[in-house]
Amino acid sequence: MPRIQVINYEASSGRLREIYDELLAKRGKLADIHQIQSLRPESIVKHMELYMELMFSRSELSRAEREMLAVVVSIANGCEYCKTHHEMALKHYVKDELKQKAIRNNFDAPALSMREKALCYFAHQLTISPESHENEDYTINLRDVGLSDAAILDVVLVISYFNFVNRIALSLGLQINEQEVSGYKY
């Protein structure tokens, strides 16, 4: 149960209703992560702009790789809400169940490519021990699997974004709602 007041769709009006209607039209659903921000409607807009830029814009990272990073970060943070949402998205892009399982449990599994392994390890490390990156260059492993500086920036931005969102979900008490998980437009 949310730990702060949330204005749901039925109770919304004005600018908040407009934002909710736009989200419904574009995404097919209204996520709890957006509704938890209902007391600051424009934060929902800025949140979605950042999400769309990081997850859907042109990048050397595939959509599957970005969803993989979301899942790794969310598992490392213990954020069931985000993990569940992004596992559903990952399943949309990655049909291989062995690969899905490896992303959740075993980055060394043969189902993952060297690039995917490097991305998973980097996401996990940056999430659980961000301070260690100050004195050690973990980007070397990403360069070794062919990522450019622009791709490395995208990796760090996606990881940082999901650490941000995980903290919203965890601190404000968002819990997984089975009706909310499926039915999004990918």
C-alpha atoms as a PDB file:
ATOM      1  CA  MET A   1       0.000   0.000   0.000  1.00  0.00           C
ATOM      2  CA  PRO A   2       1.403   3.419  -0.924  1.00  0.00           C
ATOM      3  CA  ARG A   3       2.858   5.408   1.959  1.00  0.00           C
ATOM      4  CA  ILE A   4       1.702   8.751   0.577  1.00  0.00           C
ATOM      5  CA  GLN A   5      -1.529  10.095  -0.864  1.00  0.00           C
ATOM      6  CA  VAL A   6      -2.154   9.004  -4.449  1.00  0.00           C
ATOM      7  CA  ILE A   7      -4.705  10.574  -6.768  1.00  0.00           C
ATOM      8  CA  ASN A   8      -6.060   7.774  -8.951  1.00  0.00           C
ATOM      9  CA  TYR A   9      -7.540   8.251 -12.392  1.00  0.00           C
ATOM     10  CA  GLU A  10     -11.151   8.551 -11.219  1.00  0.00           C
ATOM     11  CA  ALA A  11     -10.260  11.300  -8.728  1.00  0.00           C
ATOM     12  CA  SER A  12      -7.954  13.183 -11.101  1.00  0.00           C
ATOM     13  CA  SER A  13      -8.796  16.435 -12.833  1.00  0.00           C
ATOM     14  CA  GLY A  14      -7.151  19.270 -14.728  1.00  0.00           C
ATOM     15  CA  ARG A  15      -3.523  18.819 -15.703  1.00  0.00           C
ATOM     16  CA  LEU A  16      -3.211  15.512 -13.855  1.00  0.00           C
ATOM     17  CA  ARG A  17      -6.142  14.059 -15.809  1.00  0.00           C
ATOM     18  CA  GLU A  18      -4.556  15.261 -19.064  1.00  0.00           C
ATOM     19  CA  ILE A  19      -1.293  13.540 -18.156  1.00  0.00           C
ATOM     20  CA  TYR A  20      -3.093  10.347 -17.187  1.00  0.00           C
ATOM     21  CA  ASP A  21      -5.058  10.379 -20.456  1.00  0.00           C
ATOM     22  CA  GLU A  22      -1.845  10.835 -22.465  1.00  0.00           C
ATOM     23  CA  LEU A  23      -0.218   7.909 -20.658  1.00  0.00           C
ATOM     24  CA  LEU A  24      -3.249   5.706 -21.272  1.00  0.00           C
ATOM     25  CA  ALA A  25      -3.272   6.597 -24.968  1.00  0.00           C
ATOM     26  CA  LYS A  26       0.465   6.012 -25.444  1.00  0.00           C
ATOM     27  CA  ARG A  27       1.114   3.067 -23.130  1.00  0.00           C
ATOM     28  CA  GLY A  28      -2.256   1.357 -22.811  1.00  0.00           C
ATOM     29  CA  LYS A  29      -2.072   1.427 -19.011  1.00  0.00           C
ATOM     30  CA  LEU A  30      -1.473   3.775 -16.120  1.00  0.00           C
ATOM     31  CA  ALA A  31       1.362   2.440 -13.956  1.00  0.00           C
ATOM     32  CA  ASP A  32       1.453   2.797 -10.202  1.00  0.00           C
ATOM     33  CA  ILE A  33       4.948   4.320 -10.525  1.00  0.00           C
ATOM     34  CA  HIS A  34       3.313   7.266 -12.298  1.00  0.00           C
ATOM     35  CA  GLN A  35       0.336   7.538 -10.005  1.00  0.00           C
ATOM     36  CA  ILE A  36       2.631   7.643  -6.955  1.00  0.00           C
ATOM     37  CA  GLN A  37       3.853  10.979  -8.371  1.00  0.00           C
ATOM     38  CA  SER A  38       0.306  12.377  -8.687  1.00  0.00           C
ATOM     39  CA  LEU A  39       0.894  15.131  -6.130  1.00  0.00           C
ATOM     40  CA  ARG A  40       3.490  16.563  -8.548  1.00  0.00           C
ATOM     41  CA  PRO A  41       1.930  16.018 -11.997  1.00  0.00           C
ATOM     42  CA  GLU A  42       4.746  17.618 -13.984  1.00  0.00           C
ATOM     43  CA  SER A  43       7.213  15.193 -12.389  1.00  0.00           C
ATOM     44  CA  ILE A  44       5.284  12.431 -14.177  1.00  0.00           C
ATOM     45  CA  VAL A  45       5.839  14.198 -17.497  1.00  0.00           C
ATOM     46  CA  LYS A  46       9.558  14.690 -16.869  1.00  0.00           C
ATOM     47  CA  HIS A  47       9.866  11.119 -15.611  1.00  0.00           C
ATOM     48  CA  MET A  48       8.291   9.780 -18.812  1.00  0.00           C
ATOM     49  CA  GLU A  49      10.456  12.014 -20.987  1.00  0.00           C
ATOM     50  CA  LEU A  50      13.574  10.628 -19.328  1.00  0.00           C
ATOM     51  CA  TYR A  51      12.271   7.042 -19.515  1.00  0.00           C
ATOM     52  CA  MET A  52      11.432   7.360 -23.220  1.00  0.00           C
ATOM     53  CA  GLU A  53      14.798   8.962 -23.990  1.00  0.00           C
ATOM     54  CA  LEU A  54      16.779   6.281 -22.181  1.00  0.00           C
ATOM     55  CA  MET A  55      14.751   3.225 -23.111  1.00  0.00           C
ATOM     56  CA  PHE A  56      13.455   3.941 -26.635  1.00  0.00           C
ATOM     57  CA  SER A  57      15.774   6.430 -28.327  1.00  0.00           C
ATOM     58  CA  ARG A  58      18.425   5.470 -30.853  1.00  0.00           C
ATOM     59  CA  SER A  59      21.322   3.733 -29.133  1.00  0.00           C
ATOM     60  CA  GLU A  60      23.929   1.051 -29.702  1.00  0.00           C
ATOM     61  CA  LEU A  61      22.094  -0.779 -26.915  1.00  0.00           C
ATOM     62  CA  SER A  62      19.158  -2.880 -28.015  1.00  0.00           C
ATOM     63  CA  ARG A  63      15.794  -2.639 -26.277  1.00  0.00           C
ATOM     64  CA  ALA A  64      16.458  -6.127 -24.889  1.00  0.00           C
ATOM     65  CA  GLU A  65      19.791  -5.009 -23.420  1.00  0.00           C
ATOM     66  CA  ARG A  66      18.164  -2.001 -21.775  1.00  0.00           C
ATOM     67  CA  GLU A  67      15.429  -4.170 -20.252  1.00  0.00           C
ATOM     68  CA  MET A  68      18.110  -6.625 -19.137  1.00  0.00           C
ATOM     69  CA  LEU A  69      19.882  -3.797 -17.298  1.00  0.00           C
ATOM     70  CA  ALA A  70      16.568  -2.806 -15.672  1.00  0.00           C
ATOM     71  CA  VAL A  71      16.049  -6.348 -14.399  1.00  0.00           C
ATOM     72  CA  VAL A  72      19.622  -6.713 -13.084  1.00  0.00           C
ATOM     73  CA  VAL A  73      19.434  -3.387 -11.219  1.00  0.00           C
ATOM     74  CA  SER A  74      15.982  -4.122  -9.800  1.00  0.00           C
ATOM     75  CA  ILE A  75      17.035  -7.563  -8.552  1.00  0.00           C
ATOM     76  CA  ALA A  76      20.193  -6.125  -6.969  1.00  0.00           C
ATOM     77  CA  ASN A  77      18.070  -3.503  -5.188  1.00  0.00           C
ATOM     78  CA  GLY A  78      15.385  -5.990  -4.149  1.00  0.00           C
ATOM     79  CA  CYS A  79      12.718  -3.991  -5.981  1.00  0.00           C
ATOM     80  CA  GLU A  80      10.021  -6.543  -6.756  1.00  0.00           C
ATOM     81  CA  TYR A  81       7.803  -3.901  -8.377  1.00  0.00           C
ATOM     82  CA  CYS A  82      10.342  -2.870 -11.035  1.00  0.00           C
ATOM     83  CA  LYS A  83      11.791  -6.361 -11.431  1.00  0.00           C
ATOM     84  CA  THR A  84       8.387  -7.798 -12.262  1.00  0.00           C
ATOM     85  CA  HIS A  85       7.511  -5.021 -14.715  1.00  0.00           C
ATOM     86  CA  HIS A  86      10.789  -5.217 -16.568  1.00  0.00           C
ATOM     87  CA  GLU A  87      10.930  -8.998 -16.600  1.00  0.00           C
ATOM     88  CA  MET A  88       7.634  -8.838 -18.527  1.00  0.00           C
ATOM     89  CA  ALA A  89       9.167  -6.371 -20.971  1.00  0.00           C
ATOM     90  CA  LEU A  90      12.322  -8.489 -21.238  1.00  0.00           C
ATOM     91  CA  LYS A  91      10.194 -11.543 -22.107  1.00  0.00           C
ATOM     92  CA  HIS A  92       8.691  -9.494 -24.926  1.00  0.00           C
ATOM     93  CA  TYR A  93      12.166  -8.965 -26.427  1.00  0.00           C
ATOM     94  CA  VAL A  94      14.004 -12.113 -25.298  1.00  0.00           C
ATOM     95  CA  LYS A  95      12.145 -15.348 -25.968  1.00  0.00           C
ATOM     96  CA  ASP A  96      14.964 -17.652 -24.786  1.00  0.00           C
ATOM     97  CA  GLU A  97      14.021 -18.867 -21.278  1.00  0.00           C
ATOM     98  CA  LEU A  98      17.595 -19.941 -20.491  1.00  0.00           C
ATOM     99  CA  LYS A  99      18.793 -16.433 -21.229  1.00  0.00           C
ATOM    100  CA  GLN A 100      15.989 -14.940 -19.090  1.00  0.00           C
ATOM    101  CA  LYS A 101      16.970 -17.226 -16.214  1.00  0.00           C
ATOM    102  CA  ALA A 102      20.677 -16.386 -16.587  1.00  0.00           C
ATOM    103  CA  ILE A 103      19.914 -12.667 -16.366  1.00  0.00           C
ATOM    104  CA  ARG A 104      18.091 -13.289 -13.089  1.00  0.00           C
ATOM    105  CA  ASN A 105      20.470 -15.812 -11.515  1.00  0.00           C
ATOM    106  CA  ASN A 106      23.781 -16.500 -13.232  1.00  0.00           C
ATOM    107  CA  PHE A 107      25.659 -13.985 -15.356  1.00  0.00           C
ATOM    108  CA  ASP A 108      28.243 -16.659 -16.257  1.00  0.00           C
ATOM    109  CA  ALA A 109      25.671 -18.935 -17.895  1.00  0.00           C
ATOM    110  CA  PRO A 110      26.471 -20.006 -21.477  1.00  0.00           C
ATOM    111  CA  ALA A 111      23.117 -18.597 -22.600  1.00  0.00           C
ATOM    112  CA  LEU A 112      24.542 -15.075 -22.308  1.00  0.00           C
ATOM    113  CA  SER A 113      26.946 -13.579 -24.824  1.00  0.00           C
ATOM    114  CA  MET A 114      30.172 -11.956 -23.620  1.00  0.00           C
ATOM    115  CA  ARG A 115      28.570  -8.561 -24.196  1.00  0.00           C
ATOM    116  CA  GLU A 116      25.496  -9.479 -22.143  1.00  0.00           C
ATOM    117  CA  LYS A 117      27.686 -10.851 -19.348  1.00  0.00           C
ATOM    118  CA  ALA A 118      29.741  -7.654 -19.267  1.00  0.00           C
ATOM    119  CA  LEU A 119      26.583  -5.528 -19.176  1.00  0.00           C
ATOM    120  CA  CYS A 120      25.060  -7.601 -16.363  1.00  0.00           C
ATOM    121  CA  TYR A 121      28.209  -7.531 -14.243  1.00  0.00           C
ATOM    122  CA  PHE A 122      28.637  -3.793 -14.768  1.00  0.00           C
ATOM    123  CA  ALA A 123      24.983  -3.083 -13.825  1.00  0.00           C
ATOM    124  CA  HIS A 124      25.219  -5.229 -10.718  1.00  0.00           C
ATOM    125  CA  GLN A 125      28.531  -3.697  -9.622  1.00  0.00           C
ATOM    126  CA  LEU A 126      27.448  -0.100 -10.179  1.00  0.00           C
ATOM    127  CA  THR A 127      24.213  -0.771  -8.259  1.00  0.00           C
ATOM    128  CA  ILE A 128      25.657  -2.517  -5.222  1.00  0.00           C
ATOM    129  CA  SER A 129      28.948  -0.655  -4.956  1.00  0.00           C
ATOM    130  CA  PRO A 130      28.810   2.682  -6.795  1.00  0.00           C
ATOM    131  CA  GLU A 131      31.638   4.152  -4.722  1.00  0.00           C
ATOM    132  CA  SER A 132      34.078   1.546  -6.070  1.00  0.00           C
ATOM    133  CA  HIS A 133      33.731   3.094  -9.534  1.00  0.00           C
ATOM    134  CA  GLU A 134      35.402   6.278  -8.352  1.00  0.00           C
ATOM    135  CA  ASN A 135      38.826   4.654  -8.123  1.00  0.00           C
ATOM    136  CA  GLU A 136      38.515   1.727 -10.529  1.00  0.00           C
ATOM    137  CA  ASP A 137      37.636   1.866 -14.225  1.00  0.00           C
ATOM    138  CA  TYR A 138      34.983  -0.810 -14.726  1.00  0.00           C
ATOM    139  CA  THR A 139      34.214   0.572 -18.184  1.00  0.00           C
ATOM    140  CA  ILE A 140      37.234  -1.343 -19.506  1.00  0.00           C
ATOM    141  CA  ASN A 141      35.156  -4.541 -19.534  1.00  0.00           C
ATOM    142  CA  LEU A 142      32.503  -2.776 -21.601  1.00  0.00           C
ATOM    143  CA  ARG A 143      35.089  -1.518 -24.072  1.00  0.00           C
ATOM    144  CA  ASP A 144      36.525  -5.030 -24.303  1.00  0.00           C
ATOM    145  CA  VAL A 145      33.177  -6.285 -25.666  1.00  0.00           C
ATOM    146  CA  GLY A 146      33.013  -3.504 -28.245  1.00  0.00           C
ATOM    147  CA  LEU A 147      30.966  -0.765 -26.606  1.00  0.00           C
ATOM    148  CA  SER A 148      31.757   2.793 -27.646  1.00  0.00           C
ATOM    149  CA  ASP A 149      31.876   5.718 -25.257  1.00  0.00           C
ATOM    150  CA  ALA A 150      28.342   6.696 -26.326  1.00  0.00           C
ATOM    151  CA  ALA A 151      27.090   3.186 -25.555  1.00  0.00           C
ATOM    152  CA  ILE A 152      28.875   3.211 -22.184  1.00  0.00           C
ATOM    153  CA  LEU A 153      27.157   6.495 -21.372  1.00  0.00           C
ATOM    154  CA  ASP A 154      23.817   4.899 -22.297  1.00  0.00           C
ATOM    155  CA  VAL A 155      24.604   1.931 -20.029  1.00  0.00           C
ATOM    156  CA  VAL A 156      25.366   4.207 -17.078  1.00  0.00           C
ATOM    157  CA  LEU A 157      22.274   6.343 -17.717  1.00  0.00           C
ATOM    158  CA  VAL A 158      19.959   3.323 -17.851  1.00  0.00           C
ATOM    159  CA  ILE A 159      21.476   1.820 -14.700  1.00  0.00           C
ATOM    160  CA  SER A 160      21.262   5.142 -12.875  1.00  0.00           C
ATOM    161  CA  TYR A 161      17.674   5.670 -13.983  1.00  0.00           C
ATOM    162  CA  PHE A 162      16.580   2.303 -12.619  1.00  0.00           C
ATOM    163  CA  ASN A 163      18.366   2.896  -9.341  1.00  0.00           C
ATOM    164  CA  PHE A 164      16.374   6.154  -9.121  1.00  0.00           C
ATOM    165  CA  VAL A 165      13.043   4.495  -9.928  1.00  0.00           C
ATOM    166  CA  ASN A 166      13.717   1.527  -7.627  1.00  0.00           C
ATOM    167  CA  ARG A 167      14.161   3.970  -4.767  1.00  0.00           C
ATOM    168  CA  ILE A 168      10.852   5.671  -5.538  1.00  0.00           C
ATOM    169  CA  ALA A 169       9.051   2.322  -5.602  1.00  0.00           C
ATOM    170  CA  LEU A 170      10.734   0.926  -2.503  1.00  0.00           C
ATOM    171  CA  SER A 171      10.526   4.009  -0.295  1.00  0.00           C
ATOM    172  CA  LEU A 172       6.919   4.885  -1.167  1.00  0.00           C
ATOM    173  CA  GLY A 173       5.613   1.353  -0.742  1.00  0.00           C
ATOM    174  CA  LEU A 174       4.698   0.349  -4.292  1.00  0.00           C
ATOM    175  CA  GLN A 175       3.740  -3.277  -4.518  1.00  0.00           C
ATOM    176  CA  ILE A 176       3.223  -5.394  -7.574  1.00  0.00           C
ATOM    177  CA  ASN A 177      -0.300  -5.313  -8.897  1.00  0.00           C
ATOM    178  CA  GLU A 178      -0.920  -8.313 -11.171  1.00  0.00           C
ATOM    179  CA  GLN A 179      -3.464  -6.370 -13.272  1.00  0.00           C
ATOM    180  CA  GLU A 180      -0.909  -3.656 -13.902  1.00  0.00           C
ATOM    181  CA  VAL A 181       1.941  -5.904 -15.074  1.00  0.00           C
ATOM    182  CA  SER A 182       0.679  -7.004 -18.471  1.00  0.00           C
ATOM    183  CA  GLY A 183      -0.931  -5.203 -21.366  1.00  0.00           C
ATOM    184  CA  TYR A 184       1.587  -2.455 -22.008  1.00  0.00           C
ATOM    185  CA  LYS A 185       2.376  -1.282 -25.507  1.00  0.00           C
ATOM    186  CA  TYR A 186       6.025  -2.102 -26.202  1.00  0.00           C
END
